[in-house]
Amino acid sequence: MIAIGSDHGGFDLKQEIMAHLEKRGLAYKNFGTYTPDSCDYPIYARAVAKAVASGECDRGILICGTGIGVSITANKIRGIRAALCGDCFSAEATRLHNDANILTLGARVTGPGLALKIVDTFLDTPFSGDERHLRRISMIEE
């Protein structure tokens, strides 16, 4: 199950991503916002991060205008490794090396076509499990 959330700045892109996930047959849970009205991104970033950290959801996707605010907020939750990605290489590398569990996107920075490719790369790339990466993740978690 994929947790997904956005603020008003990411609302339209979130709608496109949810439709894309449905086409792929991937289950998701929408943690809001549910309208394009102005709102506070930490509410939704925290909800998605807590769902991933608790194991309720396997991974998460967060979208705001830049992707920065939701990334900062999500990374405050213990066990979360949220990565802001604006390209497919970064999405692949953060999964392989960091075992990132939340992807953050900036809807005002990354267009929908590229965003969907980044989402696919993030979701389809497994963690490498290499000892050096496990060691480094352990250091992050200390």
C-alpha atoms as a PDB file:
ATOM      1  CA  MET A   1       0.000   0.000   0.000  1.00  0.00           C
ATOM      2  CA  ILE A   2       1.296   3.426  -0.965  1.00  0.00           C
ATOM      3  CA  ALA A   3       0.517   6.435   1.214  1.00  0.00           C
ATOM      4  CA  ILE A   4       0.002   9.618  -0.791  1.00  0.00           C
ATOM      5  CA  GLY A   5      -0.558  13.176   0.281  1.00  0.00           C
ATOM      6  CA  SER A   6      -0.206  16.755  -0.844  1.00  0.00           C
ATOM      7  CA  ASP A   7      -0.995  20.316  -0.020  1.00  0.00           C
ATOM      8  CA  HIS A   8      -2.890  22.635  -2.374  1.00  0.00           C
ATOM      9  CA  GLY A   9       0.258  23.220  -4.471  1.00  0.00           C
ATOM     10  CA  GLY A  10       0.567  19.514  -5.176  1.00  0.00           C
ATOM     11  CA  PHE A  11      -3.125  18.707  -5.420  1.00  0.00           C
ATOM     12  CA  ASP A  12      -3.413  18.509  -9.230  1.00  0.00           C
ATOM     13  CA  LEU A  13      -0.249  16.416  -9.611  1.00  0.00           C
ATOM     14  CA  LYS A  14      -1.431  14.115  -6.830  1.00  0.00           C
ATOM     15  CA  GLN A  15      -4.643  13.508  -8.788  1.00  0.00           C
ATOM     16  CA  GLU A  16      -2.565  12.519 -11.834  1.00  0.00           C
ATOM     17  CA  ILE A  17      -0.327  10.248  -9.784  1.00  0.00           C
ATOM     18  CA  MET A  18      -3.309   8.505  -8.179  1.00  0.00           C
ATOM     19  CA  ALA A  19      -4.828   7.865 -11.614  1.00  0.00           C
ATOM     20  CA  HIS A  20      -1.453   6.498 -12.745  1.00  0.00           C
ATOM     21  CA  LEU A  21      -1.245   4.198  -9.711  1.00  0.00           C
ATOM     22  CA  GLU A  22      -4.754   2.929 -10.465  1.00  0.00           C
ATOM     23  CA  LYS A  23      -3.753   2.161 -14.070  1.00  0.00           C
ATOM     24  CA  ARG A  24      -0.799   0.197 -12.721  1.00  0.00           C
ATOM     25  CA  GLY A  25      -3.072  -1.682 -10.322  1.00  0.00           C
ATOM     26  CA  LEU A  26      -1.236  -0.363  -7.264  1.00  0.00           C
ATOM     27  CA  ALA A  27      -3.154   0.179  -4.037  1.00  0.00           C
ATOM     28  CA  TYR A  28      -2.838   3.544  -2.338  1.00  0.00           C
ATOM     29  CA  LYS A  29      -4.352   5.504   0.510  1.00  0.00           C
ATOM     30  CA  ASN A  30      -4.983   9.222   0.038  1.00  0.00           C
ATOM     31  CA  PHE A  31      -4.160  11.200   3.181  1.00  0.00           C
ATOM     32  CA  GLY A  32      -5.340  14.515   1.688  1.00  0.00           C
ATOM     33  CA  THR A  33      -5.672  17.305   0.987  1.00  0.00           C
ATOM     34  CA  TYR A  34      -8.944  16.649  -0.750  1.00  0.00           C
ATOM     35  CA  THR A  35      -9.465  20.057  -2.371  1.00  0.00           C
ATOM     36  CA  PRO A  36      -7.225  22.614  -4.087  1.00  0.00           C
ATOM     37  CA  ASP A  37      -7.974  25.148  -1.325  1.00  0.00           C
ATOM     38  CA  SER A  38      -4.985  26.625   0.501  1.00  0.00           C
ATOM     39  CA  CYS A  39      -3.844  24.447   3.393  1.00  0.00           C
ATOM     40  CA  ASP A  40      -0.831  23.618   5.573  1.00  0.00           C
ATOM     41  CA  TYR A  41       1.500  20.970   4.111  1.00  0.00           C
ATOM     42  CA  PRO A  42       2.858  19.669   7.461  1.00  0.00           C
ATOM     43  CA  ILE A  43      -0.530  18.130   8.273  1.00  0.00           C
ATOM     44  CA  TYR A  44      -0.452  15.865   5.225  1.00  0.00           C
ATOM     45  CA  ALA A  45       3.288  15.194   5.261  1.00  0.00           C
ATOM     46  CA  ARG A  46       3.099  14.073   8.885  1.00  0.00           C
ATOM     47  CA  ALA A  47       0.099  11.803   8.202  1.00  0.00           C
ATOM     48  CA  VAL A  48       1.843  10.064   5.293  1.00  0.00           C
ATOM     49  CA  ALA A  49       5.119   9.739   7.200  1.00  0.00           C
ATOM     50  CA  LYS A  50       3.406   8.243  10.251  1.00  0.00           C
ATOM     51  CA  ALA A  51       1.559   5.723   8.061  1.00  0.00           C
ATOM     52  CA  VAL A  52       4.850   4.607   6.485  1.00  0.00           C
ATOM     53  CA  ALA A  53       6.791   4.600   9.764  1.00  0.00           C
ATOM     54  CA  SER A  54       4.100   2.504  11.492  1.00  0.00           C
ATOM     55  CA  GLY A  55       3.995  -0.050   8.682  1.00  0.00           C
ATOM     56  CA  GLU A  56       0.414   0.794   7.741  1.00  0.00           C
ATOM     57  CA  CYS A  57       1.793   1.658   4.294  1.00  0.00           C
ATOM     58  CA  ASP A  58       4.938   0.347   2.609  1.00  0.00           C
ATOM     59  CA  ARG A  59       6.035   3.559   0.901  1.00  0.00           C
ATOM     60  CA  GLY A  60       4.824   7.092   0.495  1.00  0.00           C
ATOM     61  CA  ILE A  61       4.580   9.892  -2.040  1.00  0.00           C
ATOM     62  CA  LEU A  62       4.285  13.528  -0.978  1.00  0.00           C
ATOM     63  CA  ILE A  63       3.780  16.537  -3.228  1.00  0.00           C
ATOM     64  CA  CYS A  64       3.858  20.254  -2.538  1.00  0.00           C
ATOM     65  CA  GLY A  65       4.919  23.220  -4.646  1.00  0.00           C
ATOM     66  CA  THR A  66       8.649  22.532  -4.375  1.00  0.00           C
ATOM     67  CA  GLY A  67       8.743  19.190  -2.556  1.00  0.00           C
ATOM     68  CA  ILE A  68      11.014  20.749   0.063  1.00  0.00           C
ATOM     69  CA  GLY A  69       8.514  21.467   2.840  1.00  0.00           C
ATOM     70  CA  VAL A  70       6.976  17.999   2.776  1.00  0.00           C
ATOM     71  CA  SER A  71      10.447  16.434   2.688  1.00  0.00           C
ATOM     72  CA  ILE A  72      11.617  18.380   5.739  1.00  0.00           C
ATOM     73  CA  THR A  73       8.436  17.515   7.629  1.00  0.00           C
ATOM     74  CA  ALA A  74       8.452  13.808   6.745  1.00  0.00           C
ATOM     75  CA  ASN A  75      12.105  13.400   7.688  1.00  0.00           C
ATOM     76  CA  LYS A  76      11.320  14.514  11.248  1.00  0.00           C
ATOM     77  CA  ILE A  77       9.436  11.248  11.799  1.00  0.00           C
ATOM     78  CA  ARG A  78      11.692   8.461  13.114  1.00  0.00           C
ATOM     79  CA  GLY A  79      12.291   5.746  10.512  1.00  0.00           C
ATOM     80  CA  ILE A  80      11.479   7.929   7.525  1.00  0.00           C
ATOM     81  CA  ARG A  81      13.929   8.519   4.730  1.00  0.00           C
ATOM     82  CA  ALA A  82      12.138  10.947   2.426  1.00  0.00           C
ATOM     83  CA  ALA A  83      13.927  11.986  -0.748  1.00  0.00           C
ATOM     84  CA  LEU A  84      13.097  14.933  -2.971  1.00  0.00           C
ATOM     85  CA  CYS A  85      13.678  13.763  -6.536  1.00  0.00           C
ATOM     86  CA  GLY A  86      13.471  15.796  -9.719  1.00  0.00           C
ATOM     87  CA  ASP A  87      14.927  13.162 -12.020  1.00  0.00           C
ATOM     88  CA  CYS A  88      14.847   9.391 -12.496  1.00  0.00           C
ATOM     89  CA  PHE A  89      18.521   8.866 -11.659  1.00  0.00           C
ATOM     90  CA  SER A  90      18.010  10.342  -8.176  1.00  0.00           C
ATOM     91  CA  ALA A  91      14.867   8.256  -7.633  1.00  0.00           C
ATOM     92  CA  GLU A  92      16.747   5.090  -8.572  1.00  0.00           C
ATOM     93  CA  ALA A  93      19.826   5.940  -6.516  1.00  0.00           C
ATOM     94  CA  THR A  94      17.878   6.837  -3.381  1.00  0.00           C
ATOM     95  CA  ARG A  95      16.075   3.497  -3.498  1.00  0.00           C
ATOM     96  CA  LEU A  96      19.232   1.485  -4.242  1.00  0.00           C
ATOM     97  CA  HIS A  97      21.492   3.240  -1.739  1.00  0.00           C
ATOM     98  CA  ASN A  98      19.282   4.863   0.915  1.00  0.00           C
ATOM     99  CA  ASP A  99      16.248   2.564   0.921  1.00  0.00           C
ATOM    100  CA  ALA A 100      14.206   5.779   0.834  1.00  0.00           C
ATOM    101  CA  ASN A 101      10.629   5.058   1.832  1.00  0.00           C
ATOM    102  CA  ILE A 102       8.989   8.335   0.805  1.00  0.00           C
ATOM    103  CA  LEU A 103       9.332  10.143  -2.504  1.00  0.00           C
ATOM    104  CA  THR A 104       8.715  13.875  -2.480  1.00  0.00           C
ATOM    105  CA  LEU A 105       7.975  15.898  -5.586  1.00  0.00           C
ATOM    106  CA  GLY A 106       7.621  19.573  -6.402  1.00  0.00           C
ATOM    107  CA  ALA A 107       4.563  20.135  -8.573  1.00  0.00           C
ATOM    108  CA  ARG A 108       5.692  23.637  -9.498  1.00  0.00           C
ATOM    109  CA  VAL A 109       9.147  22.357 -10.445  1.00  0.00           C
ATOM    110  CA  THR A 110       8.569  18.973 -12.109  1.00  0.00           C
ATOM    111  CA  GLY A 111       6.028  18.495 -14.899  1.00  0.00           C
ATOM    112  CA  PRO A 112       3.523  15.639 -14.783  1.00  0.00           C
ATOM    113  CA  GLY A 113       5.143  13.542 -17.524  1.00  0.00           C
ATOM    114  CA  LEU A 114       8.491  13.447 -15.758  1.00  0.00           C
ATOM    115  CA  ALA A 115       6.854  13.117 -12.346  1.00  0.00           C
ATOM    116  CA  LEU A 116       5.113   9.897 -13.383  1.00  0.00           C
ATOM    117  CA  LYS A 117       8.417   8.463 -14.651  1.00  0.00           C
ATOM    118  CA  ILE A 118      10.065   9.391 -11.345  1.00  0.00           C
ATOM    119  CA  VAL A 119       7.219   7.711  -9.439  1.00  0.00           C
ATOM    120  CA  ASP A 120       7.615   4.526 -11.507  1.00  0.00           C
ATOM    121  CA  THR A 121      11.381   4.499 -10.998  1.00  0.00           C
ATOM    122  CA  PHE A 122      11.003   5.012  -7.252  1.00  0.00           C
ATOM    123  CA  LEU A 123       8.359   2.301  -6.893  1.00  0.00           C
ATOM    124  CA  ASP A 124      10.040  -0.225  -9.191  1.00  0.00           C
ATOM    125  CA  THR A 125      13.591   0.031  -7.821  1.00  0.00           C
ATOM    126  CA  PRO A 126      14.409  -2.287  -4.915  1.00  0.00           C
ATOM    127  CA  PHE A 127      16.915  -1.518  -2.173  1.00  0.00           C
ATOM    128  CA  SER A 128      20.269  -3.086  -3.024  1.00  0.00           C
ATOM    129  CA  GLY A 129      20.795  -4.475   0.475  1.00  0.00           C
ATOM    130  CA  ASP A 130      24.553  -3.972   0.143  1.00  0.00           C
ATOM    131  CA  GLU A 131      26.376  -4.030   3.475  1.00  0.00           C
ATOM    132  CA  ARG A 132      27.844  -0.547   2.951  1.00  0.00           C
ATOM    133  CA  HIS A 133      24.375   0.912   2.404  1.00  0.00           C
ATOM    134  CA  LEU A 134      22.941  -0.934   5.398  1.00  0.00           C
ATOM    135  CA  ARG A 135      25.790   0.459   7.510  1.00  0.00           C
ATOM    136  CA  ARG A 136      25.126   4.000   6.309  1.00  0.00           C
ATOM    137  CA  ILE A 137      21.370   3.742   6.888  1.00  0.00           C
ATOM    138  CA  SER A 138      22.090   2.493  10.397  1.00  0.00           C
ATOM    139  CA  MET A 139      24.255   5.572  10.942  1.00  0.00           C
ATOM    140  CA  ILE A 140      21.374   7.802   9.796  1.00  0.00           C
ATOM    141  CA  GLU A 141      19.010   6.124  12.223  1.00  0.00           C
ATOM    142  CA  GLU A 142      21.300   6.629  15.262  1.00  0.00           C
END
